[in-house]
Amino acid sequence: MSTNKIRLSVLDQSPVRKGVTAEQAVQETIALAKYTDELGYTRFWVSEHHNTGALAGSTPEVLMAYLASQTKNIRIGSGGVMMPNHSALKVAENFRMLEALAPGRIDLGMGRAPGTDRLTASVLNPSNQFREQDFIEQLYDLRNYFHDTGEPGTSVGKIRAIPQVQTVPDMWLLSSSGQSGLFAAHFGMGLSFAHFINPLGGPEAVKLYRERFQPSDDMKHEQASVAIFVFCSEDEEKIRRHQALMDYRFTQFEKGAGIKPVGYEDIKDVEYTGQELERIRYNRARVVTGTPGEIKLKLKWLAEDYKVDEIIAVTITENFEDRLTSYRLLAEQFELER
């Protein structure tokens, strides 16, 4: 696939920065959606995370409804709905309603992880068995609910997802291991590989997805993208500080300390063990940072490696203005236009 013209999209987790409330974090997500819509980004996805105070994005379908009303062209989606937490019928009804509100502009990105710890997941859905087969059955049911094609006599055949709208959201599976890529190929759905979670094996997973893709009524040709942490700035010192903060966040998360809002001044003097430095080197492959020219080159290499023409940028910064600036510089480098 040619990567001469790369499309850019956004995955936003509504990060709660140090000194900022959750309400402010959500308002920043809304402002960013409006801004990236104006800049010419292709889609704006919001996440589902639970039981973590550093990320305010817990209900993508609720936030999406408002974002769709505040934007004009950009596709609004979930990155993603964590299917083990939900019934297929409820997801179908949520997204049919979203299609009624913004026809042809909705993406349903789905994951098979709960987006939280096991205890929280068990409370969200007490019947969750964390079985792969359950996820596969949900995908079958979801497709039947969207098209009213449930087998006669079965519960899916007897129940209609309301409202009965004419359009269907674009369906994507999110993957950080490759397994969901095989499911996406089988069901004829899009695939987005989470390089920002796992920097290994992505190109191979996307290649296998393309080879095994079976066209569906909803998606005639395979669609693939790669999501990665990105920070672009014209200020070298800001780039250095951002990388230091990302190093710290990854290290704390891997220690089981969770993600806490911190600033550079809080972590500038932290010293790491040899083992932690080794993990930092590994985790830096999940992040692309640099000046505008450097970023363009690095992202083009990434797109070529994956053989995709769409990159989803995930940007968490200490200051909101730096987040806006990073997305603007990216748009300028790739000559996005609306």
C-alpha atoms as a PDB file:
ATOM      1  CA  MET A   1       0.000   0.000   0.000  1.00  0.00           C
ATOM      2  CA  SER A   2       1.260   3.471  -0.880  1.00  0.00           C
ATOM      3  CA  THR A   3       2.073   5.661   2.088  1.00  0.00           C
ATOM      4  CA  ASN A   4       2.693   8.848   0.107  1.00  0.00           C
ATOM      5  CA  LYS A   5      -0.452  10.446   1.528  1.00  0.00           C
ATOM      6  CA  ILE A   6      -0.818   9.586   5.183  1.00  0.00           C
ATOM      7  CA  ARG A   7      -4.066  10.251   7.005  1.00  0.00           C
ATOM      8  CA  LEU A   8      -3.850  11.281  10.631  1.00  0.00           C
ATOM      9  CA  SER A   9      -6.343  10.502  13.378  1.00  0.00           C
ATOM     10  CA  VAL A  10      -6.582  10.985  17.149  1.00  0.00           C
ATOM     11  CA  LEU A  11      -7.032   8.643  20.092  1.00  0.00           C
ATOM     12  CA  ASP A  12      -7.790  10.688  23.195  1.00  0.00           C
ATOM     13  CA  GLN A  13      -8.076   9.212  26.686  1.00  0.00           C
ATOM     14  CA  SER A  14      -9.116  12.447  28.452  1.00  0.00           C
ATOM     15  CA  PRO A  15      -5.931  12.529  30.562  1.00  0.00           C
ATOM     16  CA  VAL A  16      -6.273  14.305  33.901  1.00  0.00           C
ATOM     17  CA  ARG A  17      -3.178  16.484  34.123  1.00  0.00           C
ATOM     18  CA  LYS A  18      -1.610  17.505  37.426  1.00  0.00           C
ATOM     19  CA  GLY A  19      -3.649  20.298  39.000  1.00  0.00           C
ATOM     20  CA  VAL A  20      -6.592  19.738  36.651  1.00  0.00           C
ATOM     21  CA  THR A  21     -10.027  18.304  37.499  1.00  0.00           C
ATOM     22  CA  ALA A  22     -11.744  15.505  35.613  1.00  0.00           C
ATOM     23  CA  GLU A  23     -14.307  18.050  34.403  1.00  0.00           C
ATOM     24  CA  GLN A  24     -11.507  20.131  32.878  1.00  0.00           C
ATOM     25  CA  ALA A  25      -9.983  17.026  31.294  1.00  0.00           C
ATOM     26  CA  VAL A  26     -13.258  16.287  29.521  1.00  0.00           C
ATOM     27  CA  GLN A  27     -13.519  19.892  28.341  1.00  0.00           C
ATOM     28  CA  GLU A  28      -9.999  19.594  26.922  1.00  0.00           C
ATOM     29  CA  THR A  29     -11.073  16.510  24.985  1.00  0.00           C
ATOM     30  CA  ILE A  30     -14.002  18.470  23.538  1.00  0.00           C
ATOM     31  CA  ALA A  31     -11.726  21.383  22.583  1.00  0.00           C
ATOM     32  CA  LEU A  32      -9.243  18.991  20.990  1.00  0.00           C
ATOM     33  CA  ALA A  33     -11.972  17.302  18.944  1.00  0.00           C
ATOM     34  CA  LYS A  34     -13.119  20.657  17.565  1.00  0.00           C
ATOM     35  CA  TYR A  35      -9.534  21.702  16.843  1.00  0.00           C
ATOM     36  CA  THR A  36      -8.484  18.512  15.054  1.00  0.00           C
ATOM     37  CA  ASP A  37     -11.734  18.612  13.062  1.00  0.00           C
ATOM     38  CA  GLU A  38     -10.692  22.037  11.767  1.00  0.00           C
ATOM     39  CA  LEU A  39      -7.150  20.778  11.085  1.00  0.00           C
ATOM     40  CA  GLY A  40      -8.351  17.974   8.813  1.00  0.00           C
ATOM     41  CA  TYR A  41      -7.833  14.863  10.926  1.00  0.00           C
ATOM     42  CA  THR A  42      -9.740  11.789   9.725  1.00  0.00           C
ATOM     43  CA  ARG A  43     -11.195  10.436  12.983  1.00  0.00           C
ATOM     44  CA  PHE A  44     -11.315  11.193  16.685  1.00  0.00           C
ATOM     45  CA  TRP A  45     -11.553   8.177  18.976  1.00  0.00           C
ATOM     46  CA  VAL A  46     -12.129   8.203  22.728  1.00  0.00           C
ATOM     47  CA  SER A  47     -11.274   5.421  25.147  1.00  0.00           C
ATOM     48  CA  GLU A  48     -12.867   3.300  27.865  1.00  0.00           C
ATOM     49  CA  HIS A  49     -10.836   3.046  31.059  1.00  0.00           C
ATOM     50  CA  HIS A  50     -12.115   2.303  34.547  1.00  0.00           C
ATOM     51  CA  ASN A  51     -10.861   2.776  38.105  1.00  0.00           C
ATOM     52  CA  THR A  52      -7.984   5.089  37.191  1.00  0.00           C
ATOM     53  CA  GLY A  53      -8.078   8.712  38.314  1.00  0.00           C
ATOM     54  CA  ALA A  54      -5.525   9.818  35.712  1.00  0.00           C
ATOM     55  CA  LEU A  55      -7.839   9.106  32.756  1.00  0.00           C
ATOM     56  CA  ALA A  56     -11.370  10.545  32.691  1.00  0.00           C
ATOM     57  CA  GLY A  57     -12.494   8.629  29.612  1.00  0.00           C
ATOM     58  CA  SER A  58     -14.749   5.848  30.946  1.00  0.00           C
ATOM     59  CA  THR A  59     -17.859   6.011  28.736  1.00  0.00           C
ATOM     60  CA  PRO A  60     -16.946   6.542  25.085  1.00  0.00           C
ATOM     61  CA  GLU A  61     -20.490   6.175  23.783  1.00  0.00           C
ATOM     62  CA  VAL A  62     -21.713   9.026  26.027  1.00  0.00           C
ATOM     63  CA  LEU A  63     -18.820  11.325  25.171  1.00  0.00           C
ATOM     64  CA  MET A  64     -19.128  10.501  21.466  1.00  0.00           C
ATOM     65  CA  ALA A  65     -22.702  11.789  21.328  1.00  0.00           C
ATOM     66  CA  TYR A  66     -21.580  15.200  22.510  1.00  0.00           C
ATOM     67  CA  LEU A  67     -18.441  15.260  20.362  1.00  0.00           C
ATOM     68  CA  ALA A  68     -20.487  14.447  17.263  1.00  0.00           C
ATOM     69  CA  SER A  69     -22.744  17.433  18.010  1.00  0.00           C
ATOM     70  CA  GLN A  70     -19.740  19.750  18.362  1.00  0.00           C
ATOM     71  CA  THR A  71     -17.884  18.714  15.177  1.00  0.00           C
ATOM     72  CA  LYS A  72     -18.691  18.741  11.476  1.00  0.00           C
ATOM     73  CA  ASN A  73     -16.498  16.459   9.388  1.00  0.00           C
ATOM     74  CA  ILE A  74     -14.223  14.336  11.526  1.00  0.00           C
ATOM     75  CA  ARG A  75     -15.386  10.772  12.223  1.00  0.00           C
ATOM     76  CA  ILE A  76     -16.177  10.172  15.896  1.00  0.00           C
ATOM     77  CA  GLY A  77     -15.434   6.773  17.370  1.00  0.00           C
ATOM     78  CA  SER A  78     -14.577   4.544  20.288  1.00  0.00           C
ATOM     79  CA  GLY A  79     -11.028   3.448  20.815  1.00  0.00           C
ATOM     80  CA  GLY A  80     -12.583   1.413  22.062  1.00  0.00           C
ATOM     81  CA  VAL A  81     -15.666  -0.108  23.613  1.00  0.00           C
ATOM     82  CA  MET A  82     -14.341  -2.917  25.816  1.00  0.00           C
ATOM     83  CA  MET A  83     -16.747  -5.669  24.863  1.00  0.00           C
ATOM     84  CA  PRO A  84     -16.392  -7.924  27.969  1.00  0.00           C
ATOM     85  CA  ASN A  85     -17.997  -5.105  30.001  1.00  0.00           C
ATOM     86  CA  HIS A  86     -21.131  -4.926  27.846  1.00  0.00           C
ATOM     87  CA  SER A  87     -23.912  -6.904  26.215  1.00  0.00           C
ATOM     88  CA  ALA A  88     -23.888  -6.984  22.423  1.00  0.00           C
ATOM     89  CA  LEU A  89     -27.478  -5.692  22.348  1.00  0.00           C
ATOM     90  CA  LYS A  90     -26.660  -2.641  24.463  1.00  0.00           C
ATOM     91  CA  VAL A  91     -23.637  -1.826  22.283  1.00  0.00           C
ATOM     92  CA  ALA A  92     -25.790  -2.186  19.153  1.00  0.00           C
ATOM     93  CA  GLU A  93     -28.445   0.156  20.559  1.00  0.00           C
ATOM     94  CA  ASN A  94     -25.887   2.716  21.726  1.00  0.00           C
ATOM     95  CA  PHE A  95     -24.289   2.839  18.306  1.00  0.00           C
ATOM     96  CA  ARG A  96     -27.544   2.805  16.380  1.00  0.00           C
ATOM     97  CA  MET A  97     -28.515   5.869  18.387  1.00  0.00           C
ATOM     98  CA  LEU A  98     -25.166   7.471  17.564  1.00  0.00           C
ATOM     99  CA  GLU A  99     -25.769   6.721  13.886  1.00  0.00           C
ATOM    100  CA  ALA A 100     -29.173   8.390  14.193  1.00  0.00           C
ATOM    101  CA  LEU A 101     -27.452  11.468  15.619  1.00  0.00           C
ATOM    102  CA  ALA A 102     -24.532  11.558  13.154  1.00  0.00           C
ATOM    103  CA  PRO A 103     -25.270   9.258  10.194  1.00  0.00           C
ATOM    104  CA  GLY A 104     -22.193   7.958   8.390  1.00  0.00           C
ATOM    105  CA  ARG A 105     -19.745   9.587  10.812  1.00  0.00           C
ATOM    106  CA  ILE A 106     -19.511   6.982  13.583  1.00  0.00           C
ATOM    107  CA  ASP A 107     -16.788   4.374  14.209  1.00  0.00           C
ATOM    108  CA  LEU A 108     -17.269   1.456  16.576  1.00  0.00           C
ATOM    109  CA  GLY A 109     -13.800   0.408  17.699  1.00  0.00           C
ATOM    110  CA  MET A 110     -13.872  -2.642  19.969  1.00  0.00           C
ATOM    111  CA  GLY A 111     -11.417  -4.351  22.279  1.00  0.00           C
ATOM    112  CA  ARG A 112     -11.545  -7.716  24.014  1.00  0.00           C
ATOM    113  CA  ALA A 113      -9.730  -6.557  27.154  1.00  0.00           C
ATOM    114  CA  PRO A 114     -11.779  -4.997  29.979  1.00  0.00           C
ATOM    115  CA  GLY A 115      -9.756  -1.762  30.106  1.00  0.00           C
ATOM    116  CA  THR A 116      -9.252  -2.127  33.836  1.00  0.00           C
ATOM    117  CA  ASP A 117      -8.233  -4.533  36.587  1.00  0.00           C
ATOM    118  CA  ARG A 118      -9.970  -7.896  37.085  1.00  0.00           C
ATOM    119  CA  LEU A 119     -11.886  -6.786  40.198  1.00  0.00           C
ATOM    120  CA  THR A 120     -13.380  -3.739  38.480  1.00  0.00           C
ATOM    121  CA  ALA A 121     -14.177  -5.822  35.392  1.00  0.00           C
ATOM    122  CA  SER A 122     -16.029  -8.358  37.525  1.00  0.00           C
ATOM    123  CA  VAL A 123     -18.155  -5.580  39.028  1.00  0.00           C
ATOM    124  CA  LEU A 124     -18.853  -3.985  35.643  1.00  0.00           C
ATOM    125  CA  ASN A 125     -20.055  -7.341  34.346  1.00  0.00           C
ATOM    126  CA  PRO A 126     -20.493 -10.021  37.045  1.00  0.00           C
ATOM    127  CA  SER A 127     -21.068 -12.709  34.391  1.00  0.00           C
ATOM    128  CA  ASN A 128     -17.787 -11.979  32.614  1.00  0.00           C
ATOM    129  CA  GLN A 129     -15.769 -15.195  32.192  1.00  0.00           C
ATOM    130  CA  PHE A 130     -12.923 -13.564  30.183  1.00  0.00           C
ATOM    131  CA  ARG A 131     -13.337 -16.229  27.481  1.00  0.00           C
ATOM    132  CA  GLU A 132     -12.264 -15.681  23.900  1.00  0.00           C
ATOM    133  CA  GLN A 133     -15.320 -17.548  22.644  1.00  0.00           C
ATOM    134  CA  ASP A 134     -17.612 -15.048  24.387  1.00  0.00           C
ATOM    135  CA  PHE A 135     -15.976 -12.206  22.444  1.00  0.00           C
ATOM    136  CA  ILE A 136     -16.420 -14.068  19.135  1.00  0.00           C
ATOM    137  CA  GLU A 137     -20.091 -14.677  19.887  1.00  0.00           C
ATOM    138  CA  GLN A 138     -20.544 -10.995  20.726  1.00  0.00           C
ATOM    139  CA  LEU A 139     -19.164 -10.039  17.311  1.00  0.00           C
ATOM    140  CA  TYR A 140     -21.579 -12.421  15.572  1.00  0.00           C
ATOM    141  CA  ASP A 141     -24.501 -11.064  17.597  1.00  0.00           C
ATOM    142  CA  LEU A 142     -23.478  -7.449  17.064  1.00  0.00           C
ATOM    143  CA  ARG A 143     -23.371  -7.857  13.299  1.00  0.00           C
ATOM    144  CA  ASN A 144     -26.786  -9.542  13.328  1.00  0.00           C
ATOM    145  CA  TYR A 145     -28.289  -6.785  15.494  1.00  0.00           C
ATOM    146  CA  PHE A 146     -26.985  -4.099  13.131  1.00  0.00           C
ATOM    147  CA  HIS A 147     -28.485  -5.858  10.092  1.00  0.00           C
ATOM    148  CA  ASP A 148     -31.539  -7.528  11.666  1.00  0.00           C
ATOM    149  CA  THR A 149     -30.279 -10.898  10.444  1.00  0.00           C
ATOM    150  CA  GLY A 150     -30.464 -13.001  13.600  1.00  0.00           C
ATOM    151  CA  GLU A 151     -31.371 -16.631  13.017  1.00  0.00           C
ATOM    152  CA  PRO A 152     -35.171 -17.097  13.355  1.00  0.00           C
ATOM    153  CA  GLY A 153     -36.165 -18.579  16.689  1.00  0.00           C
ATOM    154  CA  THR A 154     -33.019 -17.429  18.514  1.00  0.00           C
ATOM    155  CA  SER A 155     -32.966 -14.534  20.960  1.00  0.00           C
ATOM    156  CA  VAL A 156     -30.954 -12.442  18.488  1.00  0.00           C
ATOM    157  CA  GLY A 157     -33.543 -13.248  15.820  1.00  0.00           C
ATOM    158  CA  LYS A 158     -36.451 -12.233  18.045  1.00  0.00           C
ATOM    159  CA  ILE A 159     -34.997  -8.948  19.329  1.00  0.00           C
ATOM    160  CA  ARG A 160     -34.508  -5.749  17.333  1.00  0.00           C
ATOM    161  CA  ALA A 161     -31.880  -3.206  18.320  1.00  0.00           C
ATOM    162  CA  ILE A 162     -33.605   0.171  18.651  1.00  0.00           C
ATOM    163  CA  PRO A 163     -33.651   2.684  17.000  1.00  0.00           C
ATOM    164  CA  GLN A 164     -34.129   1.020  13.623  1.00  0.00           C
ATOM    165  CA  VAL A 165     -31.800   3.261  11.634  1.00  0.00           C
ATOM    166  CA  GLN A 166     -30.595   2.703   8.089  1.00  0.00           C
ATOM    167  CA  THR A 167     -26.855   3.145   8.557  1.00  0.00           C
ATOM    168  CA  VAL A 168     -24.274   1.010  10.339  1.00  0.00           C
ATOM    169  CA  PRO A 169     -21.139   2.335  12.068  1.00  0.00           C
ATOM    170  CA  ASP A 170     -17.766   1.334  10.666  1.00  0.00           C
ATOM    171  CA  MET A 171     -16.546  -1.529  12.853  1.00  0.00           C
ATOM    172  CA  TRP A 172     -12.924  -1.859  13.919  1.00  0.00           C
ATOM    173  CA  LEU A 173     -11.132  -4.278  16.206  1.00  0.00           C
ATOM    174  CA  LEU A 174      -8.277  -3.002  18.330  1.00  0.00           C
ATOM    175  CA  SER A 175      -5.311  -5.299  18.822  1.00  0.00           C
ATOM    176  CA  SER A 176      -2.011  -5.274  20.672  1.00  0.00           C
ATOM    177  CA  SER A 177      -1.141  -8.934  20.097  1.00  0.00           C
ATOM    178  CA  GLY A 178      -2.431  -9.908  16.659  1.00  0.00           C
ATOM    179  CA  GLN A 179      -5.181 -12.327  17.697  1.00  0.00           C
ATOM    180  CA  SER A 180      -7.933  -9.765  17.183  1.00  0.00           C
ATOM    181  CA  GLY A 181      -6.488  -9.153  13.724  1.00  0.00           C
ATOM    182  CA  LEU A 182      -7.582 -12.658  12.764  1.00  0.00           C
ATOM    183  CA  PHE A 183     -11.073 -11.949  14.106  1.00  0.00           C
ATOM    184  CA  ALA A 184     -11.175  -8.645  12.179  1.00  0.00           C
ATOM    185  CA  ALA A 185     -10.180 -10.485   8.996  1.00  0.00           C
ATOM    186  CA  HIS A 186     -12.861 -13.142   9.519  1.00  0.00           C
ATOM    187  CA  PHE A 187     -15.669 -10.668  10.212  1.00  0.00           C
ATOM    188  CA  GLY A 188     -14.627  -8.166   7.546  1.00  0.00           C
ATOM    189  CA  MET A 189     -13.853  -5.374   9.991  1.00  0.00           C
ATOM    190  CA  GLY A 190     -11.055  -2.803  10.203  1.00  0.00           C
ATOM    191  CA  LEU A 191      -7.941  -3.387  12.292  1.00  0.00           C
ATOM    192  CA  SER A 192      -6.090  -0.830  14.402  1.00  0.00           C
ATOM    193  CA  PHE A 193      -2.857  -2.072  15.967  1.00  0.00           C
ATOM    194  CA  ALA A 194      -1.943  -0.511  19.317  1.00  0.00           C
ATOM    195  CA  HIS A 195       1.793   0.078  18.861  1.00  0.00           C
ATOM    196  CA  PHE A 196       1.544   2.439  21.855  1.00  0.00           C
ATOM    197  CA  ILE A 197       0.805  -0.641  23.982  1.00  0.00           C
ATOM    198  CA  ASN A 198       3.006  -3.218  22.272  1.00  0.00           C
ATOM    199  CA  PRO A 199       5.792  -2.135  19.883  1.00  0.00           C
ATOM    200  CA  LEU A 200       6.517  -5.689  18.716  1.00  0.00           C
ATOM    201  CA  GLY A 201       4.791  -7.812  16.094  1.00  0.00           C
ATOM    202  CA  GLY A 202       2.477  -5.161  14.685  1.00  0.00           C
ATOM    203  CA  PRO A 203       3.561  -5.199  11.022  1.00  0.00           C
ATOM    204  CA  GLU A 204       3.315  -9.007  10.959  1.00  0.00           C
ATOM    205  CA  ALA A 205      -0.174  -8.876  12.510  1.00  0.00           C
ATOM    206  CA  VAL A 206      -1.380  -6.346   9.938  1.00  0.00           C
ATOM    207  CA  LYS A 207       0.114  -8.402   7.088  1.00  0.00           C
ATOM    208  CA  LEU A 208      -1.687 -11.535   8.272  1.00  0.00           C
ATOM    209  CA  TYR A 209      -4.922  -9.568   8.631  1.00  0.00           C
ATOM    210  CA  ARG A 210      -4.669  -8.399   5.021  1.00  0.00           C
ATOM    211  CA  GLU A 211      -3.928 -11.884   3.737  1.00  0.00           C
ATOM    212  CA  ARG A 212      -6.931 -13.387   5.518  1.00  0.00           C
ATOM    213  CA  PHE A 213      -9.428 -10.543   5.106  1.00  0.00           C
ATOM    214  CA  GLN A 214     -12.914 -11.629   4.043  1.00  0.00           C
ATOM    215  CA  PRO A 215     -15.018  -8.776   2.618  1.00  0.00           C
ATOM    216  CA  SER A 216     -18.274  -8.045   4.449  1.00  0.00           C
ATOM    217  CA  ASP A 217     -21.392  -6.059   3.624  1.00  0.00           C
ATOM    218  CA  ASP A 218     -19.990  -3.266   5.799  1.00  0.00           C
ATOM    219  CA  MET A 219     -16.359  -3.293   4.622  1.00  0.00           C
ATOM    220  CA  LYS A 220     -15.485  -4.436   1.109  1.00  0.00           C
ATOM    221  CA  HIS A 221     -11.745  -3.876   1.449  1.00  0.00           C
ATOM    222  CA  GLU A 222      -9.380  -4.236   4.366  1.00  0.00           C
ATOM    223  CA  GLN A 223      -8.634  -1.121   6.423  1.00  0.00           C
ATOM    224  CA  ALA A 224      -5.730  -0.952   8.847  1.00  0.00           C
ATOM    225  CA  SER A 225      -4.128   1.714  10.997  1.00  0.00           C
ATOM    226  CA  VAL A 226      -1.473   1.965  13.695  1.00  0.00           C
ATOM    227  CA  ALA A 227      -1.812   3.918  16.956  1.00  0.00           C
ATOM    228  CA  ILE A 228       1.267   5.332  18.693  1.00  0.00           C
ATOM    229  CA  PHE A 229       2.187   7.875  21.364  1.00  0.00           C
ATOM    230  CA  VAL A 230       3.298  11.060  19.570  1.00  0.00           C
ATOM    231  CA  PHE A 231       4.723  14.358  20.736  1.00  0.00           C
ATOM    232  CA  CYS A 232       5.839  17.039  18.308  1.00  0.00           C
ATOM    233  CA  SER A 233       7.393  20.362  19.323  1.00  0.00           C
ATOM    234  CA  GLU A 234       9.756  22.985  17.994  1.00  0.00           C
ATOM    235  CA  ASP A 235      11.260  23.242  21.492  1.00  0.00           C
ATOM    236  CA  GLU A 236      13.998  20.650  22.133  1.00  0.00           C
ATOM    237  CA  GLU A 237      13.752  21.124  25.915  1.00  0.00           C
ATOM    238  CA  LYS A 238      10.014  20.347  25.861  1.00  0.00           C
ATOM    239  CA  ILE A 239      10.756  17.199  23.858  1.00  0.00           C
ATOM    240  CA  ARG A 240      13.326  16.099  26.441  1.00  0.00           C
ATOM    241  CA  ARG A 241      10.955  16.755  29.335  1.00  0.00           C
ATOM    242  CA  HIS A 242       8.105  14.952  27.619  1.00  0.00           C
ATOM    243  CA  GLN A 243      10.238  11.865  27.067  1.00  0.00           C
ATOM    244  CA  ALA A 244      11.304  11.916  30.732  1.00  0.00           C
ATOM    245  CA  LEU A 245       7.673  12.049  31.839  1.00  0.00           C
ATOM    246  CA  MET A 246       6.699   9.181  29.530  1.00  0.00           C
ATOM    247  CA  ASP A 247       9.634   7.120  30.832  1.00  0.00           C
ATOM    248  CA  TYR A 248       8.418   7.681  34.392  1.00  0.00           C
ATOM    249  CA  ARG A 249       4.774   6.880  33.612  1.00  0.00           C
ATOM    250  CA  PHE A 250       5.657   3.586  31.938  1.00  0.00           C
ATOM    251  CA  THR A 251       7.929   2.612  34.824  1.00  0.00           C
ATOM    252  CA  GLN A 252       5.299   3.361  37.456  1.00  0.00           C
ATOM    253  CA  PHE A 253       2.608   1.513  35.540  1.00  0.00           C
ATOM    254  CA  GLU A 254       4.794  -1.582  35.190  1.00  0.00           C
ATOM    255  CA  LYS A 255       5.464  -1.490  38.943  1.00  0.00           C
ATOM    256  CA  GLY A 256       1.720  -1.699  39.517  1.00  0.00           C
ATOM    257  CA  ALA A 257       1.585   1.835  40.867  1.00  0.00           C
ATOM    258  CA  GLY A 258      -0.992   2.897  38.301  1.00  0.00           C
ATOM    259  CA  ILE A 259      -1.001   6.142  36.345  1.00  0.00           C
ATOM    260  CA  LYS A 260      -0.899   9.272  38.491  1.00  0.00           C
ATOM    261  CA  PRO A 261      -0.909  12.889  37.300  1.00  0.00           C
ATOM    262  CA  VAL A 262       2.661  14.152  37.629  1.00  0.00           C
ATOM    263  CA  GLY A 263       4.697  17.052  36.314  1.00  0.00           C
ATOM    264  CA  TYR A 264       8.316  17.207  35.202  1.00  0.00           C
ATOM    265  CA  GLU A 265       9.424  18.889  38.449  1.00  0.00           C
ATOM    266  CA  ASP A 266       8.104  15.860  40.366  1.00  0.00           C
ATOM    267  CA  ILE A 267      10.236  13.341  38.478  1.00  0.00           C
ATOM    268  CA  LYS A 268      13.287  15.201  37.181  1.00  0.00           C
ATOM    269  CA  ASP A 269      15.615  13.778  39.846  1.00  0.00           C
ATOM    270  CA  VAL A 270      14.330  10.194  39.795  1.00  0.00           C
ATOM    271  CA  GLU A 271      17.091   7.609  39.431  1.00  0.00           C
ATOM    272  CA  TYR A 272      16.373   4.258  37.805  1.00  0.00           C
ATOM    273  CA  THR A 273      17.799   0.803  38.419  1.00  0.00           C
ATOM    274  CA  GLY A 274      19.556  -1.075  35.627  1.00  0.00           C
ATOM    275  CA  GLN A 275      16.457  -3.199  35.075  1.00  0.00           C
ATOM    276  CA  GLU A 276      14.243  -0.111  34.910  1.00  0.00           C
ATOM    277  CA  LEU A 277      16.573   1.500  32.359  1.00  0.00           C
ATOM    278  CA  GLU A 278      16.266  -1.625  30.236  1.00  0.00           C
ATOM    279  CA  ARG A 279      12.471  -1.358  30.346  1.00  0.00           C
ATOM    280  CA  ILE A 280      12.691   2.345  29.526  1.00  0.00           C
ATOM    281  CA  ARG A 281      14.684   1.529  26.382  1.00  0.00           C
ATOM    282  CA  TYR A 282      12.018  -0.996  25.379  1.00  0.00           C
ATOM    283  CA  ASN A 283       9.106   1.347  26.114  1.00  0.00           C
ATOM    284  CA  ARG A 284      10.609   4.183  24.101  1.00  0.00           C
ATOM    285  CA  ALA A 285       9.698   2.176  21.010  1.00  0.00           C
ATOM    286  CA  ARG A 286       6.060   2.920  21.910  1.00  0.00           C
ATOM    287  CA  VAL A 287       6.630   6.671  21.556  1.00  0.00           C
ATOM    288  CA  VAL A 288       7.618   8.974  18.709  1.00  0.00           C
ATOM    289  CA  THR A 289       8.926  12.380  19.754  1.00  0.00           C
ATOM    290  CA  GLY A 290      10.791  15.107  17.911  1.00  0.00           C
ATOM    291  CA  THR A 291      10.734  18.326  15.985  1.00  0.00           C
ATOM    292  CA  PRO A 292       8.294  18.615  13.060  1.00  0.00           C
ATOM    293  CA  GLY A 293      10.803  17.396  10.468  1.00  0.00           C
ATOM    294  CA  GLU A 294      11.949  14.507  12.649  1.00  0.00           C
ATOM    295  CA  ILE A 295       8.394  13.447  13.438  1.00  0.00           C
ATOM    296  CA  LYS A 296       7.386  13.405   9.786  1.00  0.00           C
ATOM    297  CA  LEU A 297      10.291  11.137   8.906  1.00  0.00           C
ATOM    298  CA  LYS A 298       9.682   8.783  11.862  1.00  0.00           C
ATOM    299  CA  LEU A 299       5.968   8.463  11.178  1.00  0.00           C
ATOM    300  CA  LYS A 300       6.558   7.843   7.473  1.00  0.00           C
ATOM    301  CA  TRP A 301       8.933   5.040   8.423  1.00  0.00           C
ATOM    302  CA  LEU A 302       6.304   3.633  10.774  1.00  0.00           C
ATOM    303  CA  ALA A 303       3.598   3.764   8.098  1.00  0.00           C
ATOM    304  CA  GLU A 304       5.923   2.069   5.612  1.00  0.00           C
ATOM    305  CA  ASP A 305       6.823  -0.621   8.122  1.00  0.00           C
ATOM    306  CA  TYR A 306       3.147  -1.371   8.765  1.00  0.00           C
ATOM    307  CA  LYS A 307       2.119  -0.785   5.137  1.00  0.00           C
ATOM    308  CA  VAL A 308      -0.724   1.475   6.288  1.00  0.00           C
ATOM    309  CA  ASP A 309      -1.833   4.947   5.259  1.00  0.00           C
ATOM    310  CA  GLU A 310      -3.368   6.011   8.567  1.00  0.00           C
ATOM    311  CA  ILE A 311      -1.644   6.812  11.859  1.00  0.00           C
ATOM    312  CA  ILE A 312      -3.584   7.405  15.056  1.00  0.00           C
ATOM    313  CA  ALA A 313      -1.718   9.771  17.358  1.00  0.00           C
ATOM    314  CA  VAL A 314      -2.069   9.483  21.145  1.00  0.00           C
ATOM    315  CA  THR A 315      -0.706  12.588  22.854  1.00  0.00           C
ATOM    316  CA  ILE A 316      -0.523  13.215  26.612  1.00  0.00           C
ATOM    317  CA  THR A 317       1.297  16.381  27.686  1.00  0.00           C
ATOM    318  CA  GLU A 318       1.971  18.291  30.886  1.00  0.00           C
ATOM    319  CA  ASN A 319       0.372  21.431  29.393  1.00  0.00           C
ATOM    320  CA  PHE A 320      -2.759  21.439  27.246  1.00  0.00           C
ATOM    321  CA  GLU A 321      -1.363  24.060  24.858  1.00  0.00           C
ATOM    322  CA  ASP A 322       1.507  21.682  24.057  1.00  0.00           C
ATOM    323  CA  ARG A 323      -1.044  18.997  23.166  1.00  0.00           C
ATOM    324  CA  LEU A 324      -2.819  21.343  20.763  1.00  0.00           C
ATOM    325  CA  THR A 325       0.489  22.502  19.278  1.00  0.00           C
ATOM    326  CA  SER A 326       1.678  18.941  18.729  1.00  0.00           C
ATOM    327  CA  TYR A 327      -1.434  18.068  16.717  1.00  0.00           C
ATOM    328  CA  ARG A 328      -1.167  21.320  14.735  1.00  0.00           C
ATOM    329  CA  LEU A 329       2.475  20.709  13.819  1.00  0.00           C
ATOM    330  CA  LEU A 330       1.609  17.173  12.734  1.00  0.00           C
ATOM    331  CA  ALA A 331      -1.207  18.452  10.529  1.00  0.00           C
ATOM    332  CA  GLU A 332       1.130  20.982   8.921  1.00  0.00           C
ATOM    333  CA  GLN A 333       3.830  18.400   8.243  1.00  0.00           C
ATOM    334  CA  PHE A 334       1.412  16.022   6.544  1.00  0.00           C
ATOM    335  CA  GLU A 335      -0.441  18.839   4.796  1.00  0.00           C
ATOM    336  CA  LEU A 336      -3.857  17.861   6.082  1.00  0.00           C
ATOM    337  CA  GLU A 337      -6.747  19.774   4.615  1.00  0.00           C
ATOM    338  CA  ARG A 338     -10.450  19.835   5.307  1.00  0.00           C
END
